[in-house]
């Protein structure tokens, strides 16, 4: 049997002579090809996840208005973001966090969606929540730290609520010293949640990185006033804190007494000075 050659010889291509212009015609040089300059698009127009360093990041969907125009102006998307975690750091509970979040939570309820509260550290007052505009029929409080079954995960219910996609807003008081991977799991679960998701943590968490795209520090600033510092956002840092006027919950008499107590407390903090005559 004849052996098959390892390589076939190249096929002879017929030589083609270059065409010559006909007699009596003048050859004309073709103009050089011009490449049209492509318009340069700004990076922030290519994808919603891109923005310049001096700009606020854009959101695919509009944020939920916070009820405070000064705060909305500093939040990417013009309000509390959806499908991500919003981390609030506070020294203690009851400094005005419910009054801060109640306008957005009430707006979610007016849209016919449920609001879930996870592990509030203190019993909630139905009358106070109703005064803030919340609908108690669309408010579900979940306590996950009862430890009815040994070895259960207290964050499992929160993750399932975020993944379900049927909850309008979530507010959760997280346990202290939460590991970074647990917070990352919550952030991944929040991507399926079409609404705001707030997690409240201790101030010491400020020293640790967070998977939440938005982190704020809360501090009381007097009667019915709250100071906010934007520690992390999709955009440039905000050097000066925001001072918000909260909806009042005390009567006029109680507010006057609270202001008088605050003034007396500041005066009592003054240290006595000793004057020495050096003359």
Protein backbone atom coordinates (compact mmCIF):
# COMPACT_ATOMS: atom_id res chain seq x y z
CA UNK A 1 0.00 0.00 0.00
CA UNK A 2 1.37 3.38 -0.97
CA UNK A 3 2.40 5.61 1.89
CA UNK A 4 0.44 8.82 2.38
CA UNK A 5 2.68 11.88 2.08
CA UNK A 6 2.96 13.86 5.26
CA UNK A 7 2.42 17.18 3.49
CA UNK A 8 0.74 17.97 0.21
CA UNK A 9 2.65 20.11 -2.24
CA UNK A 10 1.32 23.64 -2.61
CA UNK A 11 -1.06 24.21 -5.51
CA UNK A 12 0.37 26.30 -8.31
CA UNK A 13 -1.52 29.59 -8.44
CA UNK A 14 -1.55 31.35 -11.80
CA UNK A 15 0.40 34.52 -11.83
CA UNK A 16 -1.83 37.56 -12.32
CA UNK A 17 -0.28 40.54 -14.00
CA UNK A 18 -1.18 43.94 -12.61
CA UNK A 19 -3.75 45.82 -14.61
CA UNK A 20 -2.53 48.73 -16.64
CA UNK A 21 -4.63 51.75 -17.40
CA UNK A 22 -5.95 51.92 -20.92
CA UNK A 23 -4.18 54.09 -23.45
CA UNK A 24 -5.18 57.71 -23.31
CA UNK A 25 -6.24 57.61 -19.65
CA UNK A 26 -4.42 59.12 -16.71
CA UNK A 27 -3.98 57.06 -13.59
CA UNK A 28 -5.38 58.80 -10.53
CA UNK A 29 -4.19 58.14 -7.04
CA UNK A 30 -6.92 57.03 -4.67
CA UNK A 31 -7.47 59.31 -1.69
CA UNK A 32 -6.24 57.87 1.60
CA UNK A 33 -8.83 56.18 3.75
CA UNK A 34 -9.98 58.33 6.61
CA UNK A 35 -11.01 56.79 9.84
CA UNK A 36 -13.82 58.65 11.51
CA UNK A 37 -13.02 59.55 15.08
CA UNK A 38 -15.20 57.61 17.47
CA UNK A 39 -16.88 59.79 20.08
CA UNK A 40 -15.30 59.40 23.50
CA UNK A 41 -17.93 58.37 26.03
CA UNK A 42 -17.67 59.32 29.66
CA UNK A 43 -16.98 56.31 31.93
CA UNK A 44 -20.13 56.90 33.99
CA UNK A 45 -22.28 56.42 30.86
CA UNK A 46 -20.89 52.96 30.10
CA UNK A 47 -22.22 51.13 33.15
CA UNK A 48 -24.13 52.13 36.30
CA UNK A 49 -21.32 50.71 38.46
CA UNK A 50 -18.82 53.24 37.03
CA UNK A 51 -18.43 56.82 38.16
CA UNK A 52 -15.74 59.46 38.46
CA UNK A 53 -14.10 60.19 41.78
CA UNK A 54 -15.87 63.52 42.25
CA UNK A 55 -19.31 62.15 41.38
CA UNK A 56 -21.95 60.25 43.29
CA UNK A 57 -22.46 56.72 42.02
CA UNK A 58 -25.56 56.14 39.94
CA UNK A 59 -28.14 53.49 40.74
CA UNK A 60 -29.96 51.28 38.28
CA UNK A 61 -33.21 51.97 40.13
CA UNK A 62 -34.23 55.08 42.04
CA UNK A 63 -33.61 54.97 45.77
CA UNK A 64 -36.32 55.21 48.40
CA UNK A 65 -36.62 58.84 49.60
CA UNK A 66 -35.51 59.21 53.20
CA UNK A 67 -37.87 62.09 53.97
CA UNK A 68 -34.90 64.41 54.59
CA UNK A 69 -33.92 66.38 51.44
CA UNK A 70 -30.46 67.22 52.80
CA UNK A 71 -29.74 63.51 53.27
CA UNK A 72 -31.19 62.49 49.89
CA UNK A 73 -28.86 64.97 48.20
CA UNK A 74 -25.85 63.09 49.60
CA UNK A 75 -27.07 59.54 48.91
CA UNK A 76 -26.35 57.87 45.55
CA UNK A 77 -29.65 57.43 43.75
CA UNK A 78 -31.34 60.22 45.69
CA UNK A 79 -32.45 58.06 48.63
CA UNK A 80 -31.90 54.85 50.55
CA UNK A 81 -30.51 52.30 48.08
CA UNK A 82 -32.25 49.09 47.09
CA UNK A 83 -30.74 45.59 46.76
CA UNK A 84 -27.82 46.45 49.08
CA UNK A 85 -27.21 46.74 52.79
CA UNK A 86 -27.22 50.10 54.53
CA UNK A 87 -25.14 49.94 57.71
CA UNK A 88 -25.96 52.30 60.59
CA UNK A 89 -23.54 52.58 63.50
CA UNK A 90 -24.94 53.97 66.75
CA UNK A 91 -23.63 54.13 70.34
CA UNK A 92 -26.94 52.89 71.78
CA UNK A 93 -30.50 52.26 70.75
CA UNK A 94 -33.19 54.90 71.06
CA UNK A 95 -31.20 57.91 69.83
CA UNK A 96 -33.64 58.59 66.99
CA UNK A 97 -32.97 55.78 64.52
CA UNK A 98 -36.67 54.91 64.22
CA UNK A 99 -37.59 58.53 63.55
CA UNK A 100 -34.83 58.67 60.96
CA UNK A 101 -36.08 55.59 59.10
CA UNK A 102 -39.84 55.91 59.68
CA UNK A 103 -40.57 58.12 56.59
CA UNK A 104 -39.05 55.57 54.22
CA UNK A 105 -40.59 52.60 56.05
CA UNK A 106 -44.02 54.24 55.95
CA UNK A 107 -43.60 54.94 52.22
CA UNK A 108 -42.86 51.26 51.63
CA UNK A 109 -46.01 50.28 53.54
CA UNK A 110 -48.12 52.70 51.52
CA UNK A 111 -47.02 50.73 48.49
CA UNK A 112 -48.67 47.65 50.01
CA UNK A 113 -45.48 45.90 51.10
CA UNK A 114 -44.45 44.40 54.43
CA UNK A 115 -41.81 45.82 56.78
CA UNK A 116 -39.88 43.37 58.99
CA UNK A 117 -37.96 44.24 62.16
CA UNK A 118 -35.41 41.72 63.41
CA UNK A 119 -34.29 41.53 67.05
CA UNK A 120 -35.08 45.01 68.38
CA UNK A 121 -33.13 45.39 71.64
CA UNK A 122 -36.05 46.94 73.53
CA UNK A 123 -39.83 46.41 73.43
CA UNK A 124 -41.47 48.58 70.79
CA UNK A 125 -44.35 50.96 71.51
CA UNK A 126 -47.27 50.46 69.14
CA UNK A 127 -48.57 53.96 69.89
CA UNK A 128 -45.20 55.55 69.10
CA UNK A 129 -44.85 53.59 65.86
CA UNK A 130 -48.35 54.62 64.84
CA UNK A 131 -47.52 58.25 65.62
CA UNK A 132 -44.57 57.97 63.22
CA UNK A 133 -46.92 56.92 60.44
CA UNK A 134 -46.25 53.17 60.42
CA UNK A 135 -49.06 50.74 59.71
CA UNK A 136 -49.01 48.09 62.44
CA UNK A 137 -50.94 45.65 60.24
CA UNK A 138 -48.00 45.62 57.81
CA UNK A 139 -45.29 45.42 60.46
CA UNK A 140 -43.75 42.08 61.48
CA UNK A 141 -41.34 41.81 64.43
CA UNK A 142 -39.10 38.73 64.49
CA UNK A 143 -37.01 37.60 67.47
CA UNK A 144 -34.31 35.16 66.39
CA UNK A 145 -32.15 35.04 69.52
CA UNK A 146 -34.53 33.09 71.71
CA UNK A 147 -32.43 29.93 71.17
CA UNK A 148 -35.43 27.63 71.25
CA UNK A 149 -33.40 25.06 69.35
CA UNK A 150 -29.75 24.70 70.34
CA UNK A 151 -27.27 25.47 67.58
CA UNK A 152 -29.68 27.47 65.42
CA UNK A 153 -28.42 30.40 63.37
CA UNK A 154 -29.93 33.72 64.42
CA UNK A 155 -29.23 35.29 61.02
CA UNK A 156 -30.90 32.53 58.99
CA UNK A 157 -34.34 34.16 59.11
CA UNK A 158 -32.88 37.51 58.02
CA UNK A 159 -31.15 35.91 55.05
CA UNK A 160 -34.32 34.13 53.98
CA UNK A 161 -36.35 37.33 54.21
CA UNK A 162 -33.86 39.12 51.97
CA UNK A 163 -33.73 36.27 49.45
CA UNK A 164 -37.49 35.91 49.24
CA UNK A 165 -38.02 39.16 47.36
CA UNK A 166 -41.47 39.57 48.96
CA UNK A 167 -40.51 41.99 51.75
CA UNK A 168 -40.67 45.73 51.24
CA UNK A 169 -38.08 46.82 53.83
CA UNK A 170 -35.92 45.18 56.48
CA UNK A 171 -34.50 46.65 59.69
CA UNK A 172 -32.23 44.39 61.76
CA UNK A 173 -30.20 44.90 64.93
CA UNK A 174 -27.17 42.68 64.38
CA UNK A 175 -25.25 40.93 67.17
CA UNK A 176 -21.97 42.57 68.20
CA UNK A 177 -18.60 41.54 66.75
CA UNK A 178 -20.19 40.01 63.67
CA UNK A 179 -17.67 38.31 61.40
CA UNK A 180 -17.01 39.85 58.01
CA UNK A 181 -18.06 36.73 56.09
CA UNK A 182 -21.47 36.76 57.78
CA UNK A 183 -22.04 40.37 56.73
CA UNK A 184 -20.92 39.45 53.22
CA UNK A 185 -23.56 36.72 53.11
CA UNK A 186 -26.21 39.25 54.09
CA UNK A 187 -25.01 41.60 51.36
CA UNK A 188 -25.28 38.82 48.76
CA UNK A 189 -28.78 37.98 49.97
CA UNK A 190 -29.79 41.65 49.77
CA UNK A 191 -29.19 41.66 46.01
CA UNK A 192 -32.53 39.85 45.60
CA UNK A 193 -34.33 42.32 47.88
CA UNK A 194 -36.09 45.10 45.96
CA UNK A 195 -36.15 47.56 48.83
CA UNK A 196 -34.01 49.12 51.54
CA UNK A 197 -32.26 46.86 54.03
CA UNK A 198 -30.93 48.51 57.20
CA UNK A 199 -28.60 46.83 59.68
CA UNK A 200 -27.68 48.51 62.97
CA UNK A 201 -24.32 47.79 64.58
CA UNK A 202 -22.04 48.98 67.35
CA UNK A 203 -19.63 51.93 66.76
CA UNK A 204 -16.58 49.65 67.11
CA UNK A 205 -17.46 48.11 63.74
CA UNK A 206 -16.18 51.33 62.18
CA UNK A 207 -12.63 50.03 62.58
CA UNK A 208 -13.39 46.97 60.45
CA UNK A 209 -14.15 46.78 56.73
CA UNK A 210 -17.70 46.22 55.59
CA UNK A 211 -19.36 44.64 52.57
CA UNK A 212 -22.20 47.17 52.77
CA UNK A 213 -21.87 49.86 50.08
CA UNK A 214 -23.36 52.49 52.41
CA UNK A 215 -22.22 53.05 56.00
CA UNK A 216 -23.35 55.89 58.28
CA UNK A 217 -22.52 56.79 61.87
CA UNK A 218 -25.34 58.20 64.03
CA UNK A 219 -24.90 60.38 67.08
CA UNK A 220 -27.45 62.36 69.13
CA UNK A 221 -27.06 66.11 68.75
CA UNK A 222 -29.64 67.45 71.17
CA UNK A 223 -33.39 67.30 71.53
CA UNK A 224 -34.97 65.95 68.33
CA UNK A 225 -31.69 66.33 66.46
CA UNK A 226 -29.42 63.69 64.97
CA UNK A 227 -25.92 63.95 63.56
CA UNK A 228 -25.02 61.73 60.61
CA UNK A 229 -21.58 61.02 59.22
CA UNK A 230 -21.31 59.27 55.85
CA UNK A 231 -18.38 56.93 56.38
CA UNK A 232 -18.75 55.02 53.12
CA UNK A 233 -20.74 55.59 49.95
CA UNK A 234 -20.37 55.17 46.22
CA UNK A 235 -18.82 58.54 45.63
CA UNK A 236 -16.46 61.06 47.23
CA UNK A 237 -16.20 61.19 51.03
CA UNK A 238 -18.30 63.73 52.90
CA UNK A 239 -16.10 65.59 55.35
CA UNK A 240 -18.76 67.53 57.24
CA UNK A 241 -21.53 65.73 59.14
CA UNK A 242 -25.22 66.23 58.45
CA UNK A 243 -27.48 67.62 61.15
CA UNK A 244 -31.09 66.51 60.82
CA UNK A 245 -34.17 67.74 62.63
CA UNK A 246 -36.22 64.71 63.65
CA UNK A 247 -39.99 64.62 64.06
CA UNK A 248 -40.77 65.55 67.70
CA UNK A 249 -42.25 62.89 69.94
CA UNK A 250 -42.29 64.88 73.19
CA UNK A 251 -44.73 67.54 74.26
CA UNK A 252 -43.66 71.19 74.37
CA UNK A 253 -43.24 71.05 78.14
CA UNK A 254 -41.15 67.91 77.99
CA UNK A 255 -38.97 69.38 75.27
CA UNK A 256 -38.32 72.51 77.35
CA UNK A 257 -37.33 70.37 80.31
CA UNK A 258 -35.02 68.29 78.15
CA UNK A 259 -33.32 71.39 76.79
CA UNK A 260 -32.91 72.82 80.30
CA UNK A 261 -31.39 69.53 81.48
CA UNK A 262 -28.94 69.54 78.57
CA UNK A 263 -27.84 73.11 79.35
CA UNK A 264 -27.32 72.31 83.04
CA UNK A 265 -25.34 69.20 82.11
CA UNK A 266 -23.00 71.27 79.94
CA UNK A 267 -22.53 73.81 82.73
CA UNK A 268 -21.72 71.09 85.26
CA UNK A 269 -19.00 69.78 82.95
CA UNK A 270 -17.05 73.05 83.28
CA UNK A 271 -13.99 72.63 85.44
CA UNK A 272 -13.21 75.06 88.22
CA UNK A 273 -10.27 77.37 87.59
CA UNK A 274 -7.79 78.60 90.20
CA UNK A 275 -6.46 82.14 89.78
CA UNK A 276 -3.12 83.03 91.25
CA UNK A 277 -2.10 86.67 91.73
CA UNK A 278 1.39 86.97 90.34
CA UNK A 279 1.65 90.69 90.97
